[in-house]
Amino acid sequence: MRIPAIAVALATATCLSVPSNAATLQSVTGEVLINSGAGYRPVTSGSEAKVGNIVMASPGARAWLVYPDKCTVLVNPGAVVTVRAESPCAGGYARASPDNTGAYYLGAAALGGMGFAIFYLTQRKDDGPASP
């Protein structure tokens, strides 16, 4: 009965040693390439990326690397991104967002508020003489 136990142990070790899909490439536009150790090859949306794969986007291209926890990493032209075993958002870091419009709105509101404050404070107020 020792042979089945050895077979189970070998099968488990084989399954654990095979790199799992760590992320998926989404919203691929233009020529996005992946290197899994045998040279770069083009990918399309929905392609799986394994731990250690290298992803890069050609000029005018881009893609999102989406981890299982929905954390996203933008692959811009000229950038070289290595797929990690652990999501970049793990450990309490903020999630990367495909849309930074919230930050732009917050910045615009802050600038608008400062502009209004400067305008209000620099207006000359003539309430009359300080003494009778």
N, C-alpha and C. Protein backbone atom coordinates (compact mmCIF):
# COMPACT_ATOMS: atom_id res chain seq x y z
N MET A 1 0.80 -1.19 0.00
CA MET A 1 0.00 0.00 0.00
C MET A 1 0.85 1.27 0.00
N ARG A 2 2.12 1.14 -0.05
CA ARG A 2 3.00 2.28 -0.05
C ARG A 2 2.99 3.01 -1.40
N ILE A 3 2.76 2.32 -2.47
CA ILE A 3 2.79 2.92 -3.80
C ILE A 3 1.69 3.98 -3.97
N PRO A 4 0.43 3.75 -3.55
CA PRO A 4 -0.57 4.81 -3.70
C PRO A 4 -0.20 6.07 -2.91
N ALA A 5 0.38 5.93 -1.74
CA ALA A 5 0.77 7.10 -0.95
C ALA A 5 1.86 7.89 -1.66
N ILE A 6 2.82 7.20 -2.27
CA ILE A 6 3.87 7.86 -3.01
C ILE A 6 3.29 8.56 -4.25
N ALA A 7 2.37 7.89 -4.92
CA ALA A 7 1.74 8.49 -6.11
C ALA A 7 0.98 9.76 -5.75
N VAL A 8 0.26 9.74 -4.63
CA VAL A 8 -0.48 10.92 -4.19
C VAL A 8 0.50 12.04 -3.84
N ALA A 9 1.59 11.71 -3.17
CA ALA A 9 2.57 12.72 -2.81
C ALA A 9 3.20 13.34 -4.05
N LEU A 10 3.54 12.55 -5.05
CA LEU A 10 4.12 13.06 -6.29
C LEU A 10 3.12 13.92 -7.06
N ALA A 11 1.88 13.50 -7.12
CA ALA A 11 0.85 14.27 -7.83
C ALA A 11 0.64 15.62 -7.15
N THR A 12 0.62 15.62 -5.82
CA THR A 12 0.45 16.87 -5.09
C THR A 12 1.64 17.79 -5.31
N ALA A 13 2.84 17.26 -5.26
CA ALA A 13 4.04 18.07 -5.48
C ALA A 13 4.05 18.65 -6.90
N THR A 14 3.62 17.85 -7.86
CA THR A 14 3.58 18.33 -9.25
C THR A 14 2.59 19.46 -9.39
N CYS A 15 1.42 19.32 -8.80
CA CYS A 15 0.39 20.37 -8.89
C CYS A 15 0.87 21.65 -8.21
N LEU A 16 1.56 21.53 -7.11
CA LEU A 16 2.00 22.70 -6.39
C LEU A 16 3.17 23.39 -7.06
N SER A 17 3.95 22.66 -7.84
CA SER A 17 5.11 23.26 -8.47
C SER A 17 4.78 23.94 -9.79
N VAL A 18 3.61 23.67 -10.36
CA VAL A 18 3.21 24.31 -11.61
C VAL A 18 2.74 25.72 -11.30
N PRO A 19 3.30 26.73 -11.99
CA PRO A 19 2.88 28.09 -11.70
C PRO A 19 1.39 28.27 -12.02
N SER A 20 0.68 28.89 -11.11
CA SER A 20 -0.74 29.10 -11.33
C SER A 20 -0.96 30.45 -12.00
N ASN A 21 -2.15 30.61 -12.55
CA ASN A 21 -2.48 31.88 -13.16
C ASN A 21 -2.61 32.92 -12.05
N ALA A 22 -1.78 33.93 -12.12
CA ALA A 22 -1.78 34.95 -11.08
C ALA A 22 -2.64 36.13 -11.46
N ALA A 23 -2.83 36.36 -12.77
CA ALA A 23 -3.58 37.53 -13.20
C ALA A 23 -4.10 37.30 -14.61
N THR A 24 -5.04 38.16 -15.00
CA THR A 24 -5.62 38.11 -16.34
C THR A 24 -5.40 39.46 -17.01
N LEU A 25 -5.09 39.43 -18.28
CA LEU A 25 -4.93 40.67 -19.04
C LEU A 25 -6.30 41.09 -19.58
N GLN A 26 -6.68 42.33 -19.32
CA GLN A 26 -7.99 42.85 -19.74
C GLN A 26 -7.79 44.15 -20.51
N SER A 27 -8.78 44.52 -21.29
CA SER A 27 -8.80 45.77 -22.04
C SER A 27 -7.52 45.99 -22.82
N VAL A 28 -7.08 44.94 -23.50
CA VAL A 28 -5.86 45.01 -24.29
C VAL A 28 -6.15 45.80 -25.57
N THR A 29 -5.41 46.87 -25.77
CA THR A 29 -5.50 47.63 -27.01
C THR A 29 -4.10 47.75 -27.59
N GLY A 30 -3.99 47.57 -28.88
CA GLY A 30 -2.68 47.62 -29.52
C GLY A 30 -1.91 46.34 -29.27
N GLU A 31 -0.60 46.42 -29.51
CA GLU A 31 0.24 45.23 -29.36
C GLU A 31 0.81 45.15 -27.94
N VAL A 32 0.27 44.20 -27.18
CA VAL A 32 0.75 43.92 -25.83
C VAL A 32 1.41 42.55 -25.89
N LEU A 33 2.59 42.45 -25.28
CA LEU A 33 3.39 41.22 -25.36
C LEU A 33 3.62 40.64 -23.98
N ILE A 34 3.75 39.31 -23.93
CA ILE A 34 4.05 38.62 -22.68
C ILE A 34 5.23 37.67 -22.91
N ASN A 35 6.08 37.58 -21.91
CA ASN A 35 7.23 36.68 -21.98
C ASN A 35 7.13 35.72 -20.81
N SER A 36 6.99 34.45 -21.13
CA SER A 36 6.94 33.43 -20.08
C SER A 36 8.22 32.61 -20.04
N GLY A 37 9.30 33.18 -20.57
CA GLY A 37 10.59 32.50 -20.51
C GLY A 37 11.06 32.01 -21.87
N ALA A 38 10.19 32.05 -22.87
CA ALA A 38 10.56 31.56 -24.20
C ALA A 38 10.44 32.67 -25.24
N GLY A 39 10.63 33.92 -24.83
CA GLY A 39 10.51 35.04 -25.75
C GLY A 39 9.13 35.68 -25.69
N TYR A 40 9.03 36.88 -26.22
CA TYR A 40 7.77 37.63 -26.18
C TYR A 40 6.81 37.12 -27.24
N ARG A 41 5.52 37.08 -26.88
CA ARG A 41 4.47 36.73 -27.83
C ARG A 41 3.29 37.65 -27.59
N PRO A 42 2.51 37.97 -28.63
CA PRO A 42 1.37 38.86 -28.46
C PRO A 42 0.25 38.20 -27.66
N VAL A 43 -0.51 39.02 -26.94
CA VAL A 43 -1.65 38.53 -26.16
C VAL A 43 -2.90 39.34 -26.50
N THR A 44 -4.04 38.80 -26.11
CA THR A 44 -5.32 39.47 -26.29
C THR A 44 -6.02 39.56 -24.95
N SER A 45 -7.11 40.30 -24.89
CA SER A 45 -7.89 40.40 -23.66
C SER A 45 -8.33 39.01 -23.22
N GLY A 46 -8.25 38.77 -21.94
CA GLY A 46 -8.63 37.47 -21.39
C GLY A 46 -7.48 36.50 -21.25
N SER A 47 -6.30 36.86 -21.77
CA SER A 47 -5.13 35.98 -21.65
C SER A 47 -4.72 35.87 -20.19
N GLU A 48 -4.29 34.69 -19.81
CA GLU A 48 -3.84 34.44 -18.44
C GLU A 48 -2.34 34.70 -18.33
N ALA A 49 -1.95 35.28 -17.22
CA ALA A 49 -0.53 35.54 -16.95
C ALA A 49 -0.13 34.78 -15.69
N LYS A 50 0.99 34.12 -15.75
CA LYS A 50 1.48 33.33 -14.62
C LYS A 50 2.53 34.13 -13.84
N VAL A 51 2.76 33.70 -12.62
CA VAL A 51 3.76 34.34 -11.78
C VAL A 51 5.10 34.34 -12.50
N GLY A 52 5.75 35.50 -12.53
CA GLY A 52 7.05 35.63 -13.17
C GLY A 52 6.99 36.04 -14.63
N ASN A 53 5.81 35.95 -15.26
CA ASN A 53 5.68 36.42 -16.64
C ASN A 53 5.97 37.91 -16.70
N ILE A 54 6.47 38.36 -17.82
CA ILE A 54 6.77 39.78 -18.02
C ILE A 54 5.83 40.30 -19.11
N VAL A 55 5.14 41.40 -18.81
CA VAL A 55 4.18 41.98 -19.74
C VAL A 55 4.68 43.37 -20.14
N MET A 56 4.57 43.68 -21.43
CA MET A 56 4.95 45.01 -21.89
C MET A 56 4.02 45.43 -23.02
N ALA A 57 3.85 46.75 -23.15
CA ALA A 57 2.99 47.30 -24.19
C ALA A 57 3.84 48.09 -25.19
N SER A 58 3.55 47.89 -26.45
CA SER A 58 4.23 48.64 -27.51
C SER A 58 3.71 50.08 -27.53
N PRO A 59 4.38 50.98 -28.25
CA PRO A 59 3.89 52.36 -28.35
C PRO A 59 2.43 52.39 -28.83
N GLY A 60 1.62 53.16 -28.14
CA GLY A 60 0.21 53.29 -28.49
C GLY A 60 -0.67 52.18 -27.95
N ALA A 61 -0.10 51.23 -27.24
CA ALA A 61 -0.86 50.09 -26.71
C ALA A 61 -0.98 50.22 -25.19
N ARG A 62 -1.90 49.46 -24.60
CA ARG A 62 -2.00 49.38 -23.15
C ARG A 62 -2.86 48.18 -22.77
N ALA A 63 -2.78 47.81 -21.52
CA ALA A 63 -3.59 46.71 -21.00
C ALA A 63 -3.68 46.84 -19.49
N TRP A 64 -4.64 46.16 -18.91
CA TRP A 64 -4.79 46.09 -17.46
C TRP A 64 -4.49 44.67 -17.03
N LEU A 65 -3.62 44.53 -16.05
CA LEU A 65 -3.32 43.25 -15.43
C LEU A 65 -4.22 43.16 -14.22
N VAL A 66 -5.18 42.22 -14.22
CA VAL A 66 -6.19 42.14 -13.16
C VAL A 66 -5.91 40.88 -12.33
N TYR A 67 -5.64 41.08 -11.04
CA TYR A 67 -5.39 40.00 -10.11
C TYR A 67 -6.72 39.44 -9.59
N PRO A 68 -6.71 38.24 -9.00
CA PRO A 68 -7.97 37.62 -8.53
C PRO A 68 -8.75 38.48 -7.53
N ASP A 69 -8.08 39.34 -6.77
CA ASP A 69 -8.79 40.19 -5.81
C ASP A 69 -9.30 41.48 -6.46
N LYS A 70 -9.27 41.52 -7.80
CA LYS A 70 -9.73 42.67 -8.60
C LYS A 70 -8.76 43.85 -8.57
N CYS A 71 -7.60 43.67 -8.00
CA CYS A 71 -6.57 44.70 -8.03
C CYS A 71 -6.07 44.81 -9.47
N THR A 72 -5.91 46.04 -9.95
CA THR A 72 -5.50 46.22 -11.34
C THR A 72 -4.18 46.99 -11.43
N VAL A 73 -3.39 46.62 -12.42
CA VAL A 73 -2.13 47.28 -12.69
C VAL A 73 -2.15 47.67 -14.17
N LEU A 74 -1.97 48.94 -14.45
CA LEU A 74 -1.96 49.43 -15.83
C LEU A 74 -0.60 49.16 -16.46
N VAL A 75 -0.63 48.59 -17.65
CA VAL A 75 0.59 48.37 -18.42
C VAL A 75 0.58 49.40 -19.54
N ASN A 76 1.37 50.45 -19.36
CA ASN A 76 1.47 51.55 -20.33
C ASN A 76 2.55 51.25 -21.35
N PRO A 77 2.53 51.96 -22.48
CA PRO A 77 3.60 51.78 -23.47
C PRO A 77 4.97 52.05 -22.85
N GLY A 78 5.89 51.17 -23.13
CA GLY A 78 7.25 51.31 -22.61
C GLY A 78 7.44 50.71 -21.22
N ALA A 79 6.35 50.43 -20.51
CA ALA A 79 6.47 49.85 -19.17
C ALA A 79 6.70 48.35 -19.28
N VAL A 80 7.45 47.82 -18.35
CA VAL A 80 7.67 46.38 -18.25
C VAL A 80 7.18 45.96 -16.88
N VAL A 81 6.16 45.10 -16.84
CA VAL A 81 5.52 44.71 -15.59
C VAL A 81 5.73 43.21 -15.38
N THR A 82 6.25 42.86 -14.21
CA THR A 82 6.41 41.45 -13.86
C THR A 82 5.22 41.01 -13.02
N VAL A 83 4.61 39.89 -13.39
CA VAL A 83 3.46 39.37 -12.67
C VAL A 83 3.93 38.80 -11.35
N ARG A 84 3.32 39.27 -10.28
CA ARG A 84 3.71 38.86 -8.93
C ARG A 84 2.82 37.74 -8.42
N ALA A 85 3.34 36.98 -7.48
CA ALA A 85 2.56 35.90 -6.87
C ALA A 85 1.45 36.48 -6.00
N GLU A 86 1.75 37.59 -5.37
CA GLU A 86 0.78 38.24 -4.49
C GLU A 86 0.31 39.52 -5.15
N SER A 87 -0.97 39.79 -5.03
CA SER A 87 -1.53 41.00 -5.61
C SER A 87 -0.83 42.23 -5.04
N PRO A 88 -0.57 43.24 -5.87
CA PRO A 88 0.04 44.48 -5.38
C PRO A 88 -0.83 45.18 -4.33
N CYS A 89 -2.10 44.86 -4.29
CA CYS A 89 -3.01 45.50 -3.33
C CYS A 89 -3.03 44.77 -1.98
N ALA A 90 -2.40 43.62 -1.91
CA ALA A 90 -2.39 42.86 -0.65
C ALA A 90 -1.59 43.60 0.40
N GLY A 91 -1.93 43.42 1.63
CA GLY A 91 -1.20 44.05 2.71
C GLY A 91 -1.68 45.44 3.05
N GLY A 92 -2.91 45.76 2.67
CA GLY A 92 -3.50 47.03 3.07
C GLY A 92 -3.20 48.19 2.15
N TYR A 93 -2.52 47.95 1.04
CA TYR A 93 -2.28 49.04 0.11
C TYR A 93 -3.55 49.35 -0.66
N ALA A 94 -3.68 50.58 -1.10
CA ALA A 94 -4.87 50.98 -1.85
C ALA A 94 -4.89 50.26 -3.19
N ARG A 95 -6.08 49.98 -3.64
CA ARG A 95 -6.23 49.34 -4.93
C ARG A 95 -5.90 50.32 -6.04
N ALA A 96 -5.25 49.80 -7.06
CA ALA A 96 -5.01 50.62 -8.24
C ALA A 96 -6.33 50.76 -8.97
N SER A 97 -6.58 51.90 -9.52
CA SER A 97 -7.86 52.15 -10.17
C SER A 97 -7.64 52.46 -11.64
N PRO A 98 -8.47 51.88 -12.52
CA PRO A 98 -8.33 52.19 -13.92
C PRO A 98 -8.80 53.61 -14.26
N ASP A 99 -9.44 54.27 -13.31
CA ASP A 99 -10.00 55.58 -13.57
C ASP A 99 -9.67 56.50 -12.40
N ASN A 100 -8.86 57.51 -12.64
CA ASN A 100 -8.44 58.42 -11.58
C ASN A 100 -9.27 59.69 -11.55
N THR A 101 -10.48 59.68 -12.09
CA THR A 101 -11.27 60.91 -12.15
C THR A 101 -11.61 61.41 -10.75
N GLY A 102 -11.76 60.54 -9.78
CA GLY A 102 -12.05 60.98 -8.41
C GLY A 102 -10.95 61.88 -7.88
N ALA A 103 -9.70 61.54 -8.15
CA ALA A 103 -8.58 62.37 -7.71
C ALA A 103 -8.59 63.72 -8.42
N TYR A 104 -8.96 63.72 -9.69
CA TYR A 104 -9.03 64.98 -10.43
C TYR A 104 -10.13 65.88 -9.89
N TYR A 105 -11.29 65.29 -9.59
CA TYR A 105 -12.39 66.08 -9.03
C TYR A 105 -12.01 66.66 -7.67
N LEU A 106 -11.35 65.86 -6.85
CA LEU A 106 -10.93 66.33 -5.53
C LEU A 106 -9.93 67.48 -5.67
N GLY A 107 -8.99 67.33 -6.56
CA GLY A 107 -8.01 68.40 -6.79
C GLY A 107 -8.67 69.67 -7.32
N ALA A 108 -9.61 69.51 -8.24
CA ALA A 108 -10.31 70.67 -8.79
C ALA A 108 -11.12 71.37 -7.72
N ALA A 109 -11.78 70.60 -6.85
CA ALA A 109 -12.56 71.19 -5.77
C ALA A 109 -11.65 71.95 -4.80
N ALA A 110 -10.49 71.38 -4.48
CA ALA A 110 -9.56 72.04 -3.57
C ALA A 110 -9.05 73.35 -4.17
N LEU A 111 -8.69 73.32 -5.44
CA LEU A 111 -8.22 74.55 -6.11
C LEU A 111 -9.33 75.60 -6.19
N GLY A 112 -10.54 75.15 -6.48
CA GLY A 112 -11.67 76.08 -6.53
C GLY A 112 -11.92 76.72 -5.17
N GLY A 113 -11.84 75.92 -4.12
CA GLY A 113 -12.04 76.45 -2.77
C GLY A 113 -10.96 77.45 -2.39
N MET A 114 -9.72 77.15 -2.74
CA MET A 114 -8.63 78.09 -2.44
C MET A 114 -8.81 79.38 -3.24
N GLY A 115 -9.23 79.27 -4.49
CA GLY A 115 -9.46 80.46 -5.30
C GLY A 115 -10.55 81.33 -4.71
N PHE A 116 -11.65 80.70 -4.27
CA PHE A 116 -12.73 81.46 -3.66
C PHE A 116 -12.26 82.14 -2.38
N ALA A 117 -11.49 81.43 -1.56
CA ALA A 117 -10.99 81.99 -0.30
C ALA A 117 -10.09 83.20 -0.56
N ILE A 118 -9.22 83.10 -1.54
CA ILE A 118 -8.34 84.23 -1.88
C ILE A 118 -9.16 85.42 -2.37
N PHE A 119 -10.13 85.16 -3.23
CA PHE A 119 -11.00 86.22 -3.73
C PHE A 119 -11.74 86.89 -2.58
N TYR A 120 -12.31 86.10 -1.70
CA TYR A 120 -13.10 86.64 -0.59
C TYR A 120 -12.23 87.46 0.36
N LEU A 121 -11.05 86.98 0.67
CA LEU A 121 -10.17 87.66 1.62
C LEU A 121 -9.54 88.93 1.05
N THR A 122 -9.45 89.02 -0.25
CA THR A 122 -8.82 90.20 -0.85
C THR A 122 -9.83 91.29 -1.22
N GLN A 123 -11.09 91.05 -1.03
CA GLN A 123 -12.10 92.07 -1.34
C GLN A 123 -12.05 93.17 -0.28
N ARG A 124 -12.11 94.39 -0.75
CA ARG A 124 -12.06 95.52 0.17
C ARG A 124 -13.44 95.74 0.75
N LYS A 125 -13.48 95.77 2.03
CA LYS A 125 -14.73 96.01 2.72
C LYS A 125 -14.71 97.40 3.34
N ASP A 126 -15.66 98.19 3.00
CA ASP A 126 -15.73 99.54 3.55
C ASP A 126 -16.96 99.63 4.43
N ASP A 127 -16.78 99.34 5.70
CA ASP A 127 -17.88 99.35 6.65
C ASP A 127 -18.03 100.73 7.30
N GLY A 128 -17.30 101.67 6.85
CA GLY A 128 -17.37 103.00 7.45
C GLY A 128 -16.15 103.24 8.31
N PRO A 129 -16.11 104.41 8.96
CA PRO A 129 -14.95 104.72 9.78
C PRO A 129 -14.86 103.82 11.00
N ALA A 130 -13.62 103.56 11.41
CA ALA A 130 -13.40 102.72 12.58
C ALA A 130 -13.74 103.45 13.87
N SER A 131 -13.68 104.79 13.85
CA SER A 131 -14.03 105.54 15.05
C SER A 131 -15.06 106.63 14.67
N PRO A 132 -15.87 107.06 15.61
CA PRO A 132 -16.90 108.06 15.30
C PRO A 132 -16.39 109.43 15.04
